[in-house]
């Protein structure tokens, strides 16, 4: 009983825990500003797993957790390609997914952008020389941005998305 009472008055172990990540916040605020400027609203992403090992998908899902919470920066994942601005491809394009990947791309309204995330989607992964694989996303799409890594961290994905939006903004100005 005395131990329970002493725990009530003891300083909590989490008092010095830092929730803020300065670099992440800086990237996020730049993203929010650029997304609003370039798209005039939020940025909608449709993710397509075209034959990956799911490690990249785990990192993309981490972007939706309370730590990263990318929706506060104006970026959201959508279920339908008809609502998307950006198509994120994860994994090498397998022969079985070629038609489905093309149909998904065609369903995205113009202007549409393609981002290859992970080594396999970028064309440099271990699966790319397999008999069942066509190669990276650039084998069937014009890829606007490649984010290599096996898998890339959520921070690298955010940096890549910021680079894509800056490139779109620069292209619109010229």
C-alpha atoms as a PDB file:
ATOM      1  CA  UNK A   1       0.000   0.000   0.000  1.00  0.00           C
ATOM      2  CA  UNK A   2       2.825   2.384   0.853  1.00  0.00           C
ATOM      3  CA  UNK A   3       4.441   1.704  -2.559  1.00  0.00           C
ATOM      4  CA  UNK A   4       1.209   2.561  -4.360  1.00  0.00           C
ATOM      5  CA  UNK A   5       0.909   5.838  -2.466  1.00  0.00           C
ATOM      6  CA  UNK A   6       4.554   6.745  -3.123  1.00  0.00           C
ATOM      7  CA  UNK A   7       3.966   6.206  -6.874  1.00  0.00           C
ATOM      8  CA  UNK A   8       1.233   8.838  -6.789  1.00  0.00           C
ATOM      9  CA  UNK A   9       3.602  11.511  -5.463  1.00  0.00           C
ATOM     10  CA  UNK A  10       6.713  10.433  -7.393  1.00  0.00           C
ATOM     11  CA  UNK A  11       7.773  12.497 -10.437  1.00  0.00           C
ATOM     12  CA  UNK A  12       6.458  10.785 -13.610  1.00  0.00           C
ATOM     13  CA  UNK A  13       9.049   9.235 -15.922  1.00  0.00           C
ATOM     14  CA  UNK A  14       7.538  11.032 -18.911  1.00  0.00           C
ATOM     15  CA  UNK A  15       7.998  14.603 -17.631  1.00  0.00           C
ATOM     16  CA  UNK A  16      11.004  15.301 -19.890  1.00  0.00           C
ATOM     17  CA  UNK A  17       9.636  13.571 -22.990  1.00  0.00           C
ATOM     18  CA  UNK A  18       9.789  15.749 -26.127  1.00  0.00           C
ATOM     19  CA  UNK A  19       6.891  15.396 -28.572  1.00  0.00           C
ATOM     20  CA  UNK A  20       8.111  18.031 -31.020  1.00  0.00           C
ATOM     21  CA  UNK A  21      10.614  17.299 -33.743  1.00  0.00           C
ATOM     22  CA  UNK A  22      11.903  20.620 -35.080  1.00  0.00           C
ATOM     23  CA  UNK A  23      13.068  19.286 -38.466  1.00  0.00           C
ATOM     24  CA  UNK A  24       9.797  17.439 -39.055  1.00  0.00           C
ATOM     25  CA  UNK A  25       7.784  20.533 -38.132  1.00  0.00           C
ATOM     26  CA  UNK A  26       9.873  22.696 -40.493  1.00  0.00           C
ATOM     27  CA  UNK A  27       9.399  20.262 -43.398  1.00  0.00           C
ATOM     28  CA  UNK A  28       5.706  20.008 -42.607  1.00  0.00           C
ATOM     29  CA  UNK A  29       5.138  23.745 -42.534  1.00  0.00           C
ATOM     30  CA  UNK A  30       6.950  24.123 -45.866  1.00  0.00           C
ATOM     31  CA  UNK A  31       4.754  21.336 -47.254  1.00  0.00           C
ATOM     32  CA  UNK A  32       1.593  23.003 -45.985  1.00  0.00           C
ATOM     33  CA  UNK A  33       2.561  26.333 -47.531  1.00  0.00           C
ATOM     34  CA  UNK A  34       3.552  24.814 -50.889  1.00  0.00           C
ATOM     35  CA  UNK A  35       0.513  22.503 -51.096  1.00  0.00           C
ATOM     36  CA  UNK A  36      -1.826  25.449 -50.509  1.00  0.00           C
ATOM     37  CA  UNK A  37       0.052  27.568 -53.069  1.00  0.00           C
ATOM     38  CA  UNK A  38       0.398  24.950 -55.820  1.00  0.00           C
ATOM     39  CA  UNK A  39      -2.857  23.030 -55.442  1.00  0.00           C
ATOM     40  CA  UNK A  40      -4.998  25.680 -53.766  1.00  0.00           C
ATOM     41  CA  UNK A  41      -6.290  22.963 -51.447  1.00  0.00           C
ATOM     42  CA  UNK A  42      -5.025  19.680 -50.028  1.00  0.00           C
ATOM     43  CA  UNK A  43      -2.919  17.122 -51.879  1.00  0.00           C
ATOM     44  CA  UNK A  44      -4.564  13.730 -52.390  1.00  0.00           C
ATOM     45  CA  UNK A  45      -2.367  10.648 -52.780  1.00  0.00           C
ATOM     46  CA  UNK A  46      -3.339   7.206 -54.086  1.00  0.00           C
ATOM     47  CA  UNK A  47      -0.851   4.502 -53.133  1.00  0.00           C
ATOM     48  CA  UNK A  48      -0.496   1.478 -55.414  1.00  0.00           C
ATOM     49  CA  UNK A  49       1.342  -1.643 -54.277  1.00  0.00           C
ATOM     50  CA  UNK A  50       2.503  -3.189 -57.522  1.00  0.00           C
ATOM     51  CA  UNK A  51       4.483  -6.077 -56.065  1.00  0.00           C
ATOM     52  CA  UNK A  52       6.372  -4.946 -52.973  1.00  0.00           C
ATOM     53  CA  UNK A  53       7.465  -6.647 -49.765  1.00  0.00           C
ATOM     54  CA  UNK A  54       5.250  -4.238 -47.728  1.00  0.00           C
ATOM     55  CA  UNK A  55       8.145  -2.486 -45.975  1.00  0.00           C
ATOM     56  CA  UNK A  56       7.495   0.736 -47.902  1.00  0.00           C
ATOM     57  CA  UNK A  57       3.773   0.530 -47.152  1.00  0.00           C
ATOM     58  CA  UNK A  58       4.561   0.349 -43.429  1.00  0.00           C
ATOM     59  CA  UNK A  59       6.568   3.573 -43.705  1.00  0.00           C
ATOM     60  CA  UNK A  60       3.768   5.241 -45.683  1.00  0.00           C
ATOM     61  CA  UNK A  61       1.281   4.166 -43.009  1.00  0.00           C
ATOM     62  CA  UNK A  62       3.579   5.682 -40.379  1.00  0.00           C
ATOM     63  CA  UNK A  63       2.938   9.059 -42.015  1.00  0.00           C
ATOM     64  CA  UNK A  64      -0.663   8.805 -40.783  1.00  0.00           C
ATOM     65  CA  UNK A  65       0.256   8.083 -37.154  1.00  0.00           C
ATOM     66  CA  UNK A  66      -0.019  10.820 -34.511  1.00  0.00           C
ATOM     67  CA  UNK A  67       3.759  11.369 -34.585  1.00  0.00           C
ATOM     68  CA  UNK A  68       3.891  12.452 -38.256  1.00  0.00           C
ATOM     69  CA  UNK A  69       0.184  13.260 -38.833  1.00  0.00           C
ATOM     70  CA  UNK A  70       0.656  14.502 -42.399  1.00  0.00           C
ATOM     71  CA  UNK A  71      -2.996  15.405 -42.742  1.00  0.00           C
ATOM     72  CA  UNK A  72      -2.295  18.516 -40.656  1.00  0.00           C
ATOM     73  CA  UNK A  73       0.044  19.586 -43.474  1.00  0.00           C
ATOM     74  CA  UNK A  74      -2.670  19.240 -46.137  1.00  0.00           C
ATOM     75  CA  UNK A  75      -1.749  15.781 -47.450  1.00  0.00           C
ATOM     76  CA  UNK A  76      -4.141  12.851 -47.376  1.00  0.00           C
ATOM     77  CA  UNK A  77      -4.343   9.341 -48.771  1.00  0.00           C
ATOM     78  CA  UNK A  78      -7.470   8.548 -50.786  1.00  0.00           C
ATOM     79  CA  UNK A  79      -9.087   5.236 -51.667  1.00  0.00           C
ATOM     80  CA  UNK A  80     -10.021   6.078 -55.234  1.00  0.00           C
ATOM     81  CA  UNK A  81      -7.610   7.140 -57.975  1.00  0.00           C
ATOM     82  CA  UNK A  82     -10.381   9.430 -59.258  1.00  0.00           C
ATOM     83  CA  UNK A  83      -9.811  11.640 -56.218  1.00  0.00           C
ATOM     84  CA  UNK A  84      -5.998  11.632 -56.396  1.00  0.00           C
ATOM     85  CA  UNK A  85      -3.437  14.171 -57.546  1.00  0.00           C
ATOM     86  CA  UNK A  86      -0.414  11.924 -57.026  1.00  0.00           C
ATOM     87  CA  UNK A  87       0.065   8.208 -57.614  1.00  0.00           C
ATOM     88  CA  UNK A  88       2.653   6.632 -55.324  1.00  0.00           C
ATOM     89  CA  UNK A  89       3.984   3.331 -56.654  1.00  0.00           C
ATOM     90  CA  UNK A  90       5.589   0.901 -54.196  1.00  0.00           C
ATOM     91  CA  UNK A  91       7.297  -2.243 -55.354  1.00  0.00           C
ATOM     92  CA  UNK A  92       8.514  -3.365 -58.723  1.00  0.00           C
ATOM     93  CA  UNK A  93       5.895  -3.560 -61.465  1.00  0.00           C
ATOM     94  CA  UNK A  94       5.068  -7.239 -61.758  1.00  0.00           C
ATOM     95  CA  UNK A  95       3.692  -8.688 -64.976  1.00  0.00           C
ATOM     96  CA  UNK A  96       0.449  -9.521 -63.179  1.00  0.00           C
ATOM     97  CA  UNK A  97       0.003  -5.899 -62.012  1.00  0.00           C
ATOM     98  CA  UNK A  98       0.865  -4.135 -65.266  1.00  0.00           C
ATOM     99  CA  UNK A  99      -2.723  -3.751 -66.522  1.00  0.00           C
ATOM    100  CA  UNK A 100      -4.104  -2.811 -63.095  1.00  0.00           C
ATOM    101  CA  UNK A 101      -1.351  -0.214 -62.635  1.00  0.00           C
ATOM    102  CA  UNK A 102      -2.104   1.337 -66.040  1.00  0.00           C
ATOM    103  CA  UNK A 103      -5.838   1.432 -65.275  1.00  0.00           C
ATOM    104  CA  UNK A 104      -5.168   3.110 -61.936  1.00  0.00           C
ATOM    105  CA  UNK A 105      -2.984   5.717 -63.632  1.00  0.00           C
ATOM    106  CA  UNK A 106      -5.589   6.379 -66.321  1.00  0.00           C
ATOM    107  CA  UNK A 107      -8.291   6.935 -63.679  1.00  0.00           C
ATOM    108  CA  UNK A 108      -6.361   9.818 -62.078  1.00  0.00           C
ATOM    109  CA  UNK A 109      -7.526  13.210 -63.386  1.00  0.00           C
ATOM    110  CA  UNK A 110      -4.994  15.484 -65.079  1.00  0.00           C
ATOM    111  CA  UNK A 111      -2.593  16.901 -64.121  1.00  0.00           C
ATOM    112  CA  UNK A 112      -1.279  13.733 -62.534  1.00  0.00           C
ATOM    113  CA  UNK A 113       2.059  12.993 -60.971  1.00  0.00           C
ATOM    114  CA  UNK A 114       3.804   9.676 -60.311  1.00  0.00           C
ATOM    115  CA  UNK A 115       6.190   9.048 -57.430  1.00  0.00           C
ATOM    116  CA  UNK A 116       8.201   5.823 -57.138  1.00  0.00           C
ATOM    117  CA  UNK A 117       8.883   5.033 -53.476  1.00  0.00           C
ATOM    118  CA  UNK A 118      11.393   2.362 -52.454  1.00  0.00           C
ATOM    119  CA  UNK A 119      14.223   0.666 -54.312  1.00  0.00           C
ATOM    120  CA  UNK A 120      12.012  -1.779 -56.193  1.00  0.00           C
ATOM    121  CA  UNK A 121       9.747   0.961 -57.549  1.00  0.00           C
ATOM    122  CA  UNK A 122      12.815   3.036 -58.458  1.00  0.00           C
ATOM    123  CA  UNK A 123      14.207   0.173 -60.540  1.00  0.00           C
ATOM    124  CA  UNK A 124      17.176  -0.733 -58.355  1.00  0.00           C
ATOM    125  CA  UNK A 125      15.709  -3.361 -56.014  1.00  0.00           C
ATOM    126  CA  UNK A 126      16.533  -7.043 -55.699  1.00  0.00           C
ATOM    127  CA  UNK A 127      13.344  -8.143 -57.481  1.00  0.00           C
ATOM    128  CA  UNK A 128      13.934  -6.223 -60.698  1.00  0.00           C
ATOM    129  CA  UNK A 129      15.698  -8.985 -62.605  1.00  0.00           C
ATOM    130  CA  UNK A 130      13.073 -11.609 -61.825  1.00  0.00           C
ATOM    131  CA  UNK A 131      11.191 -13.357 -64.625  1.00  0.00           C
ATOM    132  CA  UNK A 132       7.878 -12.108 -63.133  1.00  0.00           C
ATOM    133  CA  UNK A 133       8.895  -8.441 -62.921  1.00  0.00           C
ATOM    134  CA  UNK A 134       8.886  -5.786 -65.631  1.00  0.00           C
ATOM    135  CA  UNK A 135      11.055  -3.439 -63.574  1.00  0.00           C
ATOM    136  CA  UNK A 136      10.612  -0.141 -61.815  1.00  0.00           C
ATOM    137  CA  UNK A 137       7.685   2.212 -62.235  1.00  0.00           C
ATOM    138  CA  UNK A 138       9.502   4.031 -65.025  1.00  0.00           C
ATOM    139  CA  UNK A 139       9.012   0.992 -67.288  1.00  0.00           C
ATOM    140  CA  UNK A 140       5.338   1.909 -67.801  1.00  0.00           C
ATOM    141  CA  UNK A 141       4.964   5.484 -66.407  1.00  0.00           C
ATOM    142  CA  UNK A 142       6.657   8.837 -66.698  1.00  0.00           C
ATOM    143  CA  UNK A 143       7.935   9.058 -63.120  1.00  0.00           C
ATOM    144  CA  UNK A 144       8.112  12.586 -61.719  1.00  0.00           C
ATOM    145  CA  UNK A 145      10.079  11.683 -58.577  1.00  0.00           C
ATOM    146  CA  UNK A 146      11.989   8.698 -57.215  1.00  0.00           C
ATOM    147  CA  UNK A 147      12.467   8.235 -53.477  1.00  0.00           C
ATOM    148  CA  UNK A 148      14.994   5.398 -53.060  1.00  0.00           C
ATOM    149  CA  UNK A 149      15.522   3.344 -49.942  1.00  0.00           C
ATOM    150  CA  UNK A 150      14.676  -0.081 -48.688  1.00  0.00           C
ATOM    151  CA  UNK A 151      12.437   1.271 -47.274  1.00  0.00           C
ATOM    152  CA  UNK A 152      12.804   5.046 -47.171  1.00  0.00           C
ATOM    153  CA  UNK A 153      11.968   6.582 -43.803  1.00  0.00           C
ATOM    154  CA  UNK A 154       8.798   8.654 -43.405  1.00  0.00           C
ATOM    155  CA  UNK A 155      11.033  11.721 -43.099  1.00  0.00           C
ATOM    156  CA  UNK A 156      12.655  10.943 -46.477  1.00  0.00           C
ATOM    157  CA  UNK A 157       9.221  10.454 -48.026  1.00  0.00           C
ATOM    158  CA  UNK A 158       8.125  13.857 -46.709  1.00  0.00           C
ATOM    159  CA  UNK A 159      11.311  15.470 -48.052  1.00  0.00           C
ATOM    160  CA  UNK A 160      10.646  13.833 -51.410  1.00  0.00           C
ATOM    161  CA  UNK A 161       7.063  15.088 -51.495  1.00  0.00           C
ATOM    162  CA  UNK A 162       8.310  18.594 -50.710  1.00  0.00           C
ATOM    163  CA  UNK A 163      10.811  18.343 -53.580  1.00  0.00           C
ATOM    164  CA  UNK A 164       8.014  17.206 -55.939  1.00  0.00           C
ATOM    165  CA  UNK A 165       5.755  20.102 -54.973  1.00  0.00           C
ATOM    166  CA  UNK A 166       8.608  22.586 -55.374  1.00  0.00           C
ATOM    167  CA  UNK A 167       9.316  21.164 -58.852  1.00  0.00           C
ATOM    168  CA  UNK A 168       5.630  21.445 -59.797  1.00  0.00           C
ATOM    169  CA  UNK A 169       5.580  25.041 -58.557  1.00  0.00           C
ATOM    170  CA  UNK A 170       8.724  25.867 -60.554  1.00  0.00           C
ATOM    171  CA  UNK A 171       7.230  24.213 -63.675  1.00  0.00           C
ATOM    172  CA  UNK A 172       3.997  26.218 -63.309  1.00  0.00           C
ATOM    173  CA  UNK A 173       5.922  29.492 -63.057  1.00  0.00           C
ATOM    174  CA  UNK A 174       7.876  28.904 -66.278  1.00  0.00           C
END
